[in-house]
Amino acid sequence: MSKPAAGSWISTWLEAWAVAADAGVVIALRSAKLAAGGAEGAAEFWLMVNEKAAAMALLQTTLLTGNLGRNPRVIADRAIAHVGRKVRANRKRLGG
């Protein structure tokens, strides 16, 4: 089976699936850190809360100003890329 063409809804879905898979790893790694408690667990909790609020506020603002584009698939691709960068950075930082 060949790779789906860039710019297709299938490629959008596959990228969303990959981000979701990475998010699952981040959840597991963060859960372990939070369960361990202590100062490190507390710091991770506040980092998680603050980065989610900041990432979603930026995404919302970008969407509402039209800077994600006007085409639904392009908007989806850019939103997934935005979230994906954050998820992959967390996975790398947490050691996954």
PDB file of N, CA and C in Angstrom:
ATOM      1  N   MET A   1       0.846  -1.179   0.000  1.00  0.00           N
ATOM      2  CA  MET A   1       0.000   0.000   0.000  1.00  0.00           C
ATOM      3  C   MET A   1       0.893   1.243   0.000  1.00  0.00           C
ATOM      4  N   SER A   2       0.593   2.194  -0.851  1.00  0.00           N
ATOM      5  CA  SER A   2       1.405   3.401  -0.937  1.00  0.00           C
ATOM      6  C   SER A   2       0.959   4.427   0.103  1.00  0.00           C
ATOM      7  N   LYS A   3       1.852   5.370   0.363  1.00  0.00           N
ATOM      8  CA  LYS A   3       1.568   6.435   1.322  1.00  0.00           C
ATOM      9  C   LYS A   3       0.495   7.355   0.738  1.00  0.00           C
ATOM     10  N   PRO A   4      -0.497   7.785   1.554  1.00  0.00           N
ATOM     11  CA  PRO A   4      -1.533   8.681   1.037  1.00  0.00           C
ATOM     12  C   PRO A   4      -0.933  10.018   0.590  1.00  0.00           C
ATOM     13  N   ALA A   5      -1.548  10.609  -0.391  1.00  0.00           N
ATOM     14  CA  ALA A   5      -1.085  11.890  -0.908  1.00  0.00           C
ATOM     15  C   ALA A   5      -1.180  12.955   0.174  1.00  0.00           C
ATOM     16  N   ALA A   6      -0.147  13.806   0.230  1.00  0.00           N
ATOM     17  CA  ALA A   6      -0.197  14.934   1.157  1.00  0.00           C
ATOM     18  C   ALA A   6      -1.382  15.800   0.763  1.00  0.00           C
ATOM     19  N   GLY A   7      -2.074  16.311   1.739  1.00  0.00           N
ATOM     20  CA  GLY A   7      -3.225  17.146   1.447  1.00  0.00           C
ATOM     21  C   GLY A   7      -4.521  16.382   1.321  1.00  0.00           C
ATOM     22  N   SER A   8      -4.516  15.113   1.671  1.00  0.00           N
ATOM     23  CA  SER A   8      -5.755  14.342   1.633  1.00  0.00           C
ATOM     24  C   SER A   8      -6.278  14.169   3.055  1.00  0.00           C
ATOM     25  N   TRP A   9      -7.578  13.910   3.163  1.00  0.00           N
ATOM     26  CA  TRP A   9      -8.164  13.672   4.485  1.00  0.00           C
ATOM     27  C   TRP A   9      -7.569  12.425   5.127  1.00  0.00           C
ATOM     28  N   ILE A  10      -7.130  11.469   4.318  1.00  0.00           N
ATOM     29  CA  ILE A  10      -6.513  10.264   4.887  1.00  0.00           C
ATOM     30  C   ILE A  10      -5.203  10.636   5.580  1.00  0.00           C
ATOM     31  N   SER A  11      -4.396  11.497   4.961  1.00  0.00           N
ATOM     32  CA  SER A  11      -3.142  11.904   5.603  1.00  0.00           C
ATOM     33  C   SER A  11      -3.429  12.706   6.874  1.00  0.00           C
ATOM     34  N   THR A  12      -4.495  13.506   6.861  1.00  0.00           N
ATOM     35  CA  THR A  12      -4.904  14.247   8.060  1.00  0.00           C
ATOM     36  C   THR A  12      -5.274  13.277   9.172  1.00  0.00           C
ATOM     37  N   TRP A  13      -6.062  12.264   8.840  1.00  0.00           N
ATOM     38  CA  TRP A  13      -6.483  11.274   9.828  1.00  0.00           C
ATOM     39  C   TRP A  13      -5.280  10.513  10.381  1.00  0.00           C
ATOM     40  N   LEU A  14      -4.356  10.125   9.511  1.00  0.00           N
ATOM     41  CA  LEU A  14      -3.173   9.386   9.962  1.00  0.00           C
ATOM     42  C   LEU A  14      -2.313  10.226  10.906  1.00  0.00           C
ATOM     43  N   GLU A  15      -2.174  11.503  10.611  1.00  0.00           N
ATOM     44  CA  GLU A  15      -1.396  12.381  11.494  1.00  0.00           C
ATOM     45  C   GLU A  15      -2.107  12.548  12.838  1.00  0.00           C
ATOM     46  N   ALA A  16      -3.433  12.683  12.808  1.00  0.00           N
ATOM     47  CA  ALA A  16      -4.196  12.773  14.062  1.00  0.00           C
ATOM     48  C   ALA A  16      -4.024  11.500  14.879  1.00  0.00           C
ATOM     49  N   TRP A  17      -4.031  10.364  14.213  1.00  0.00           N
ATOM     50  CA  TRP A  17      -3.855   9.084  14.898  1.00  0.00           C
ATOM     51  C   TRP A  17      -2.468   9.011  15.534  1.00  0.00           C
ATOM     52  N   ALA A  18      -1.446   9.468  14.818  1.00  0.00           N
ATOM     53  CA  ALA A  18      -0.078   9.444  15.347  1.00  0.00           C
ATOM     54  C   ALA A  18       0.053  10.351  16.571  1.00  0.00           C
ATOM     55  N   VAL A  19      -0.570  11.525  16.515  1.00  0.00           N
ATOM     56  CA  VAL A  19      -0.536  12.435  17.667  1.00  0.00           C
ATOM     57  C   VAL A  19      -1.255  11.797  18.855  1.00  0.00           C
ATOM     58  N   ALA A  20      -2.383  11.150  18.594  1.00  0.00           N
ATOM     59  CA  ALA A  20      -3.122  10.482  19.671  1.00  0.00           C
ATOM     60  C   ALA A  20      -2.293   9.361  20.297  1.00  0.00           C
ATOM     61  N   ALA A  21      -1.568   8.622  19.478  1.00  0.00           N
ATOM     62  CA  ALA A  21      -0.713   7.551  20.006  1.00  0.00           C
ATOM     63  C   ALA A  21       0.395   8.136  20.879  1.00  0.00           C
ATOM     64  N   ASP A  22       1.017   9.212  20.421  1.00  0.00           N
ATOM     65  CA  ASP A  22       2.046   9.877  21.226  1.00  0.00           C
ATOM     66  C   ASP A  22       1.454  10.434  22.518  1.00  0.00           C
ATOM     67  N   ALA A  23       0.241  10.964  22.439  1.00  0.00           N
ATOM     68  CA  ALA A  23      -0.418  11.504  23.637  1.00  0.00           C
ATOM     69  C   ALA A  23      -0.629  10.410  24.676  1.00  0.00           C
ATOM     70  N   GLY A  24      -0.942   9.204  24.228  1.00  0.00           N
ATOM     71  CA  GLY A  24      -1.096   8.088  25.156  1.00  0.00           C
ATOM     72  C   GLY A  24       0.189   7.791  25.910  1.00  0.00           C
ATOM     73  N   VAL A  25       1.306   7.887  25.212  1.00  0.00           N
ATOM     74  CA  VAL A  25       2.612   7.676  25.854  1.00  0.00           C
ATOM     75  C   VAL A  25       2.869   8.786  26.872  1.00  0.00           C
ATOM     76  N   VAL A  26       2.565  10.026  26.488  1.00  0.00           N
ATOM     77  CA  VAL A  26       2.759  11.160  27.400  1.00  0.00           C
ATOM     78  C   VAL A  26       1.894  10.987  28.645  1.00  0.00           C
ATOM     79  N   ILE A  27       0.652  10.551  28.470  1.00  0.00           N
ATOM     80  CA  ILE A  27      -0.234  10.329  29.617  1.00  0.00           C
ATOM     81  C   ILE A  27       0.365   9.298  30.566  1.00  0.00           C
ATOM     82  N   ALA A  28       0.869   8.211  30.020  1.00  0.00           N
ATOM     83  CA  ALA A  28       1.467   7.165  30.860  1.00  0.00           C
ATOM     84  C   ALA A  28       2.695   7.687  31.604  1.00  0.00           C
ATOM     85  N   LEU A  29       3.569   8.399  30.901  1.00  0.00           N
ATOM     86  CA  LEU A  29       4.782   8.920  31.531  1.00  0.00           C
ATOM     87  C   LEU A  29       4.456   9.965  32.594  1.00  0.00           C
ATOM     88  N   ARG A  30       3.495  10.830  32.286  1.00  0.00           N
ATOM     89  CA  ARG A  30       3.098  11.848  33.261  1.00  0.00           C
ATOM     90  C   ARG A  30       2.416  11.217  34.466  1.00  0.00           C
ATOM     91  N   SER A  31       1.595  10.216  34.228  1.00  0.00           N
ATOM     92  CA  SER A  31       0.905   9.546  35.334  1.00  0.00           C
ATOM     93  C   SER A  31       1.909   8.964  36.319  1.00  0.00           C
ATOM     94  N   ALA A  32       2.961   8.367  35.796  1.00  0.00           N
ATOM     95  CA  ALA A  32       3.999   7.807  36.667  1.00  0.00           C
ATOM     96  C   ALA A  32       4.668   8.905  37.483  1.00  0.00           C
ATOM     97  N   LYS A  33       4.949  10.024  36.831  1.00  0.00           N
ATOM     98  CA  LYS A  33       5.602  11.134  37.530  1.00  0.00           C
ATOM     99  C   LYS A  33       4.676  11.728  38.590  1.00  0.00           C
ATOM    100  N   LEU A  34       3.400  11.883  38.253  1.00  0.00           N
ATOM    101  CA  LEU A  34       2.435  12.425  39.211  1.00  0.00           C
ATOM    102  C   LEU A  34       2.228  11.465  40.379  1.00  0.00           C
ATOM    103  N   ALA A  35       2.181  10.174  40.094  1.00  0.00           N
ATOM    104  CA  ALA A  35       1.974   9.174  41.142  1.00  0.00           C
ATOM    105  C   ALA A  35       3.150   9.136  42.113  1.00  0.00           C
ATOM    106  N   ALA A  36       4.344   9.427  41.618  1.00  0.00           N
ATOM    107  CA  ALA A  36       5.521   9.444  42.486  1.00  0.00           C
ATOM    108  C   ALA A  36       5.452  10.591  43.487  1.00  0.00           C
ATOM    109  N   GLY A  37       4.694  11.636  43.133  1.00  0.00           N
ATOM    110  CA  GLY A  37       4.492  12.757  44.046  1.00  0.00           C
ATOM    111  C   GLY A  37       5.732  13.604  44.238  1.00  0.00           C
ATOM    112  N   GLY A  38       5.782  14.250  45.367  1.00  0.00           N
ATOM    113  CA  GLY A  38       6.912  15.107  45.692  1.00  0.00           C
ATOM    114  C   GLY A  38       6.927  16.383  44.871  1.00  0.00           C
ATOM    115  N   ALA A  39       8.014  17.107  45.009  1.00  0.00           N
ATOM    116  CA  ALA A  39       8.162  18.383  44.309  1.00  0.00           C
ATOM    117  C   ALA A  39       8.164  18.194  42.797  1.00  0.00           C
ATOM    118  N   GLU A  40       8.775  17.111  42.340  1.00  0.00           N
ATOM    119  CA  GLU A  40       8.828  16.851  40.895  1.00  0.00           C
ATOM    120  C   GLU A  40       7.430  16.582  40.332  1.00  0.00           C
ATOM    121  N   GLY A  41       6.630  15.811  41.058  1.00  0.00           N
ATOM    122  CA  GLY A  41       5.258  15.533  40.634  1.00  0.00           C
ATOM    123  C   GLY A  41       4.405  16.790  40.620  1.00  0.00           C
ATOM    124  N   ALA A  42       4.564  17.622  41.655  1.00  0.00           N
ATOM    125  CA  ALA A  42       3.807  18.877  41.725  1.00  0.00           C
ATOM    126  C   ALA A  42       4.202  19.816  40.590  1.00  0.00           C
ATOM    127  N   ALA A  43       5.496  19.888  40.311  1.00  0.00           N
ATOM    128  CA  ALA A  43       5.966  20.746  39.216  1.00  0.00           C
ATOM    129  C   ALA A  43       5.413  20.266  37.880  1.00  0.00           C
ATOM    130  N   GLU A  44       5.377  18.953  37.686  1.00  0.00           N
ATOM    131  CA  GLU A  44       4.835  18.393  36.441  1.00  0.00           C
ATOM    132  C   GLU A  44       3.356  18.716  36.304  1.00  0.00           C
ATOM    133  N   PHE A  45       2.625  18.631  37.415  1.00  0.00           N
ATOM    134  CA  PHE A  45       1.193  18.945  37.393  1.00  0.00           C
ATOM    135  C   PHE A  45       0.966  20.375  36.919  1.00  0.00           C
ATOM    136  N   TRP A  46       1.672  21.331  37.529  1.00  0.00           N
ATOM    137  CA  TRP A  46       1.463  22.728  37.156  1.00  0.00           C
ATOM    138  C   TRP A  46       1.954  23.026  35.742  1.00  0.00           C
ATOM    139  N   LEU A  47       3.020  22.375  35.330  1.00  0.00           N
ATOM    140  CA  LEU A  47       3.487  22.531  33.951  1.00  0.00           C
ATOM    141  C   LEU A  47       2.414  22.048  32.981  1.00  0.00           C
ATOM    142  N   MET A  48       1.827  20.883  33.287  1.00  0.00           N
ATOM    143  CA  MET A  48       0.787  20.304  32.436  1.00  0.00           C
ATOM    144  C   MET A  48      -0.416  21.250  32.328  1.00  0.00           C
ATOM    145  N   VAL A  49      -0.886  21.751  33.456  1.00  0.00           N
ATOM    146  CA  VAL A  49      -2.053  22.639  33.463  1.00  0.00           C
ATOM    147  C   VAL A  49      -1.764  23.913  32.678  1.00  0.00           C
ATOM    148  N   ASN A  50      -0.631  24.536  32.958  1.00  0.00           N
ATOM    149  CA  ASN A  50      -0.297  25.802  32.302  1.00  0.00           C
ATOM    150  C   ASN A  50      -0.055  25.651  30.811  1.00  0.00           C
ATOM    151  N   GLU A  51       0.636  24.579  30.401  1.00  0.00           N
ATOM    152  CA  GLU A  51       0.919  24.434  28.974  1.00  0.00           C
ATOM    153  C   GLU A  51      -0.341  24.110  28.183  1.00  0.00           C
ATOM    154  N   LYS A  52      -1.273  23.368  28.780  1.00  0.00           N
ATOM    155  CA  LYS A  52      -2.530  23.076  28.080  1.00  0.00           C
ATOM    156  C   LYS A  52      -3.332  24.356  27.877  1.00  0.00           C
ATOM    157  N   ALA A  53      -3.423  25.172  28.917  1.00  0.00           N
ATOM    158  CA  ALA A  53      -4.162  26.435  28.811  1.00  0.00           C
ATOM    159  C   ALA A  53      -3.531  27.345  27.757  1.00  0.00           C
ATOM    160  N   ALA A  54      -2.212  27.461  27.783  1.00  0.00           N
ATOM    161  CA  ALA A  54      -1.523  28.331  26.826  1.00  0.00           C
ATOM    162  C   ALA A  54      -1.657  27.814  25.397  1.00  0.00           C
ATOM    163  N   ALA A  55      -1.489  26.513  25.204  1.00  0.00           N
ATOM    164  CA  ALA A  55      -1.571  25.935  23.857  1.00  0.00           C
ATOM    165  C   ALA A  55      -2.971  26.095  23.271  1.00  0.00           C
ATOM    166  N   MET A  56      -3.988  25.850  24.082  1.00  0.00           N
ATOM    167  CA  MET A  56      -5.357  25.957  23.580  1.00  0.00           C
ATOM    168  C   MET A  56      -5.762  27.408  23.353  1.00  0.00           C
ATOM    169  N   ALA A  57      -5.301  28.324  24.201  1.00  0.00           N
ATOM    170  CA  ALA A  57      -5.596  29.744  23.993  1.00  0.00           C
ATOM    171  C   ALA A  57      -4.976  30.227  22.684  1.00  0.00           C
ATOM    172  N   LEU A  58      -3.734  29.822  22.436  1.00  0.00           N
ATOM    173  CA  LEU A  58      -3.069  30.210  21.188  1.00  0.00           C
ATOM    174  C   LEU A  58      -3.787  29.611  19.982  1.00  0.00           C
ATOM    175  N   LEU A  59      -4.163  28.348  20.077  1.00  0.00           N
ATOM    176  CA  LEU A  59      -4.864  27.695  18.970  1.00  0.00           C
ATOM    177  C   LEU A  59      -6.210  28.370  18.707  1.00  0.00           C
ATOM    178  N   GLN A  60      -6.939  28.676  19.778  1.00  0.00           N
ATOM    179  CA  GLN A  60      -8.233  29.345  19.631  1.00  0.00           C
ATOM    180  C   GLN A  60      -8.074  30.713  18.973  1.00  0.00           C
ATOM    181  N   THR A  61      -7.108  31.481  19.434  1.00  0.00           N
ATOM    182  CA  THR A  61      -6.865  32.807  18.867  1.00  0.00           C
ATOM    183  C   THR A  61      -6.479  32.703  17.396  1.00  0.00           C
ATOM    184  N   THR A  62      -5.625  31.757  17.083  1.00  0.00           N
ATOM    185  CA  THR A  62      -5.191  31.563  15.701  1.00  0.00           C
ATOM    186  C   THR A  62      -6.368  31.176  14.816  1.00  0.00           C
ATOM    187  N   LEU A  63      -7.243  30.335  15.325  1.00  0.00           N
ATOM    188  CA  LEU A  63      -8.433  29.933  14.572  1.00  0.00           C
ATOM    189  C   LEU A  63      -9.368  31.119  14.358  1.00  0.00           C
ATOM    190  N   LEU A  64      -9.654  31.852  15.433  1.00  0.00           N
ATOM    191  CA  LEU A  64     -10.614  32.952  15.349  1.00  0.00           C
ATOM    192  C   LEU A  64     -10.126  34.116  14.502  1.00  0.00           C
ATOM    193  N   THR A  65      -8.828  34.278  14.367  1.00  0.00           N
ATOM    194  CA  THR A  65      -8.298  35.351  13.525  1.00  0.00           C
ATOM    195  C   THR A  65      -8.142  34.922  12.068  1.00  0.00           C
ATOM    196  N   GLY A  66      -8.449  33.661  11.790  1.00  0.00           N
ATOM    197  CA  GLY A  66      -8.360  33.162  10.424  1.00  0.00           C
ATOM    198  C   GLY A  66      -6.969  32.728  10.013  1.00  0.00           C
ATOM    199  N   ASN A  67      -6.037  32.723  10.952  1.00  0.00           N
ATOM    200  CA  ASN A  67      -4.654  32.389  10.610  1.00  0.00           C
ATOM    201  C   ASN A  67      -4.396  30.898  10.449  1.00  0.00           C
ATOM    202  N   LEU A  68      -5.399  30.062  10.710  1.00  0.00           N
ATOM    203  CA  LEU A  68      -5.255  28.633  10.414  1.00  0.00           C
ATOM    204  C   LEU A  68      -5.682  28.334   8.983  1.00  0.00           C
ATOM    205  N   GLY A  69      -6.274  29.321   8.326  1.00  0.00           N
ATOM    206  CA  GLY A  69      -6.735  29.140   6.961  1.00  0.00           C
ATOM    207  C   GLY A  69      -8.250  29.150   6.876  1.00  0.00           C
ATOM    208  N   ARG A  70      -8.752  28.852   5.697  1.00  0.00           N
ATOM    209  CA  ARG A  70     -10.197  28.846   5.476  1.00  0.00           C
ATOM    210  C   ARG A  70     -10.705  27.491   5.006  1.00  0.00           C
ATOM    211  N   ASN A  71      -9.812  26.670   4.529  1.00  0.00           N
ATOM    212  CA  ASN A  71     -10.169  25.336   4.061  1.00  0.00           C
ATOM    213  C   ASN A  71     -10.237  24.388   5.262  1.00  0.00           C
ATOM    214  N   PRO A  72     -11.344  23.658   5.435  1.00  0.00           N
ATOM    215  CA  PRO A  72     -11.483  22.789   6.612  1.00  0.00           C
ATOM    216  C   PRO A  72     -10.339  21.792   6.800  1.00  0.00           C
ATOM    217  N   ARG A  73      -9.847  21.192   5.725  1.00  0.00           N
ATOM    218  CA  ARG A  73      -8.769  20.230   5.865  1.00  0.00           C
ATOM    219  C   ARG A  73      -7.471  20.912   6.262  1.00  0.00           C
ATOM    220  N   VAL A  74      -7.212  22.084   5.705  1.00  0.00           N
ATOM    221  CA  VAL A  74      -6.003  22.837   6.061  1.00  0.00           C
ATOM    222  C   VAL A  74      -6.071  23.258   7.530  1.00  0.00           C
ATOM    223  N   ILE A  75      -7.235  23.706   7.967  1.00  0.00           N
ATOM    224  CA  ILE A  75      -7.417  24.070   9.377  1.00  0.00           C
ATOM    225  C   ILE A  75      -7.136  22.863  10.265  1.00  0.00           C
ATOM    226  N   ALA A  76      -7.688  21.712   9.900  1.00  0.00           N
ATOM    227  CA  ALA A  76      -7.465  20.490  10.683  1.00  0.00           C
ATOM    228  C   ALA A  76      -5.979  20.135  10.707  1.00  0.00           C
ATOM    229  N   ASP A  77      -5.321  20.181   9.554  1.00  0.00           N
ATOM    230  CA  ASP A  77      -3.888  19.858   9.487  1.00  0.00           C
ATOM    231  C   ASP A  77      -3.065  20.779  10.386  1.00  0.00           C
ATOM    232  N   ARG A  78      -3.353  22.057  10.326  1.00  0.00           N
ATOM    233  CA  ARG A  78      -2.584  23.022  11.121  1.00  0.00           C
ATOM    234  C   ARG A  78      -2.867  22.876  12.613  1.00  0.00           C
ATOM    235  N   ALA A  79      -4.114  22.607  12.970  1.00  0.00           N
ATOM    236  CA  ALA A  79      -4.452  22.400  14.386  1.00  0.00           C
ATOM    237  C   ALA A  79      -3.769  21.141  14.917  1.00  0.00           C
ATOM    238  N   ILE A  80      -3.797  20.081  14.133  1.00  0.00           N
ATOM    239  CA  ILE A  80      -3.143  18.830  14.537  1.00  0.00           C
ATOM    240  C   ILE A  80      -1.636  19.042  14.662  1.00  0.00           C
ATOM    241  N   ALA A  81      -1.055  19.790  13.737  1.00  0.00           N
ATOM    242  CA  ALA A  81       0.387  20.069  13.794  1.00  0.00           C
ATOM    243  C   ALA A  81       0.733  20.863  15.053  1.00  0.00           C
ATOM    244  N   HIS A  82      -0.105  21.837  15.396  1.00  0.00           N
ATOM    245  CA  HIS A  82       0.114  22.655  16.596  1.00  0.00           C
ATOM    246  C   HIS A  82       0.128  21.784  17.847  1.00  0.00           C
ATOM    247  N   VAL A  83      -0.897  20.966  17.991  1.00  0.00           N
ATOM    248  CA  VAL A  83      -0.992  20.079  19.153  1.00  0.00           C
ATOM    249  C   VAL A  83       0.122  19.031  19.106  1.00  0.00           C
ATOM    250  N   GLY A  84       0.391  18.508  17.913  1.00  0.00           N
ATOM    251  CA  GLY A  84       1.410  17.477  17.757  1.00  0.00           C
ATOM    252  C   GLY A  84       2.792  17.928  18.198  1.00  0.00           C
ATOM    253  N   ARG A  85       3.146  19.181  17.897  1.00  0.00           N
ATOM    254  CA  ARG A  85       4.456  19.698  18.320  1.00  0.00           C
ATOM    255  C   ARG A  85       4.571  19.669  19.845  1.00  0.00           C
ATOM    256  N   LYS A  86       3.509  20.067  20.515  1.00  0.00           N
ATOM    257  CA  LYS A  86       3.514  20.082  21.987  1.00  0.00           C
ATOM    258  C   LYS A  86       3.602  18.663  22.539  1.00  0.00           C
ATOM    259  N   VAL A  87       2.830  17.762  21.961  1.00  0.00           N
ATOM    260  CA  VAL A  87       2.807  16.374  22.437  1.00  0.00           C
ATOM    261  C   VAL A  87       4.175  15.726  22.241  1.00  0.00           C
ATOM    262  N   ARG A  88       4.758  15.897  21.058  1.00  0.00           N
ATOM    263  CA  ARG A  88       6.068  15.290  20.791  1.00  0.00           C
ATOM    264  C   ARG A  88       7.162  15.879  21.691  1.00  0.00           C
ATOM    265  N   ALA A  89       7.087  17.183  21.948  1.00  0.00           N
ATOM    266  CA  ALA A  89       8.069  17.806  22.848  1.00  0.00           C
ATOM    267  C   ALA A  89       7.949  17.222  24.256  1.00  0.00           C
ATOM    268  N   ASN A  90       6.724  17.013  24.710  1.00  0.00           N
ATOM    269  CA  ASN A  90       6.533  16.425  26.038  1.00  0.00           C
ATOM    270  C   ASN A  90       7.011  14.981  26.079  1.00  0.00           C
ATOM    271  N   ARG A  91       6.746  14.251  25.019  1.00  0.00           N
ATOM    272  CA  ARG A  91       7.195  12.855  24.981  1.00  0.00           C
ATOM    273  C   ARG A  91       8.720  12.794  25.073  1.00  0.00           C
ATOM    274  N   LYS A  92       9.385  13.657  24.326  1.00  0.00           N
ATOM    275  CA  LYS A  92      10.851  13.686  24.351  1.00  0.00           C
ATOM    276  C   LYS A  92      11.355  14.108  25.732  1.00  0.00           C
ATOM    277  N   ARG A  93      10.754  15.154  26.297  1.00  0.00           N
ATOM    278  CA  ARG A  93      11.182  15.657  27.605  1.00  0.00           C
ATOM    279  C   ARG A  93      10.983  14.623  28.708  1.00  0.00           C
ATOM    280  N   LEU A  94       9.882  13.875  28.623  1.00  0.00           N
ATOM    281  CA  LEU A  94       9.574  12.886  29.658  1.00  0.00           C
ATOM    282  C   LEU A  94      10.309  11.563  29.451  1.00  0.00           C
ATOM    283  N   GLY A  95      10.992  11.431  28.330  1.00  0.00           N
ATOM    284  CA  GLY A  95      11.818  10.246  28.107  1.00  0.00           C
ATOM    285  C   GLY A  95      11.134   9.106  27.387  1.00  0.00           C
ATOM    286  N   GLY A  96      10.045   9.403  26.671  1.00  0.00           N
ATOM    287  CA  GLY A  96       9.303   8.336  25.981  1.00  0.00           C
ATOM    288  C   GLY A  96       9.684   8.132  24.561  1.00  0.00           C
TER     289      GLY A  96
END
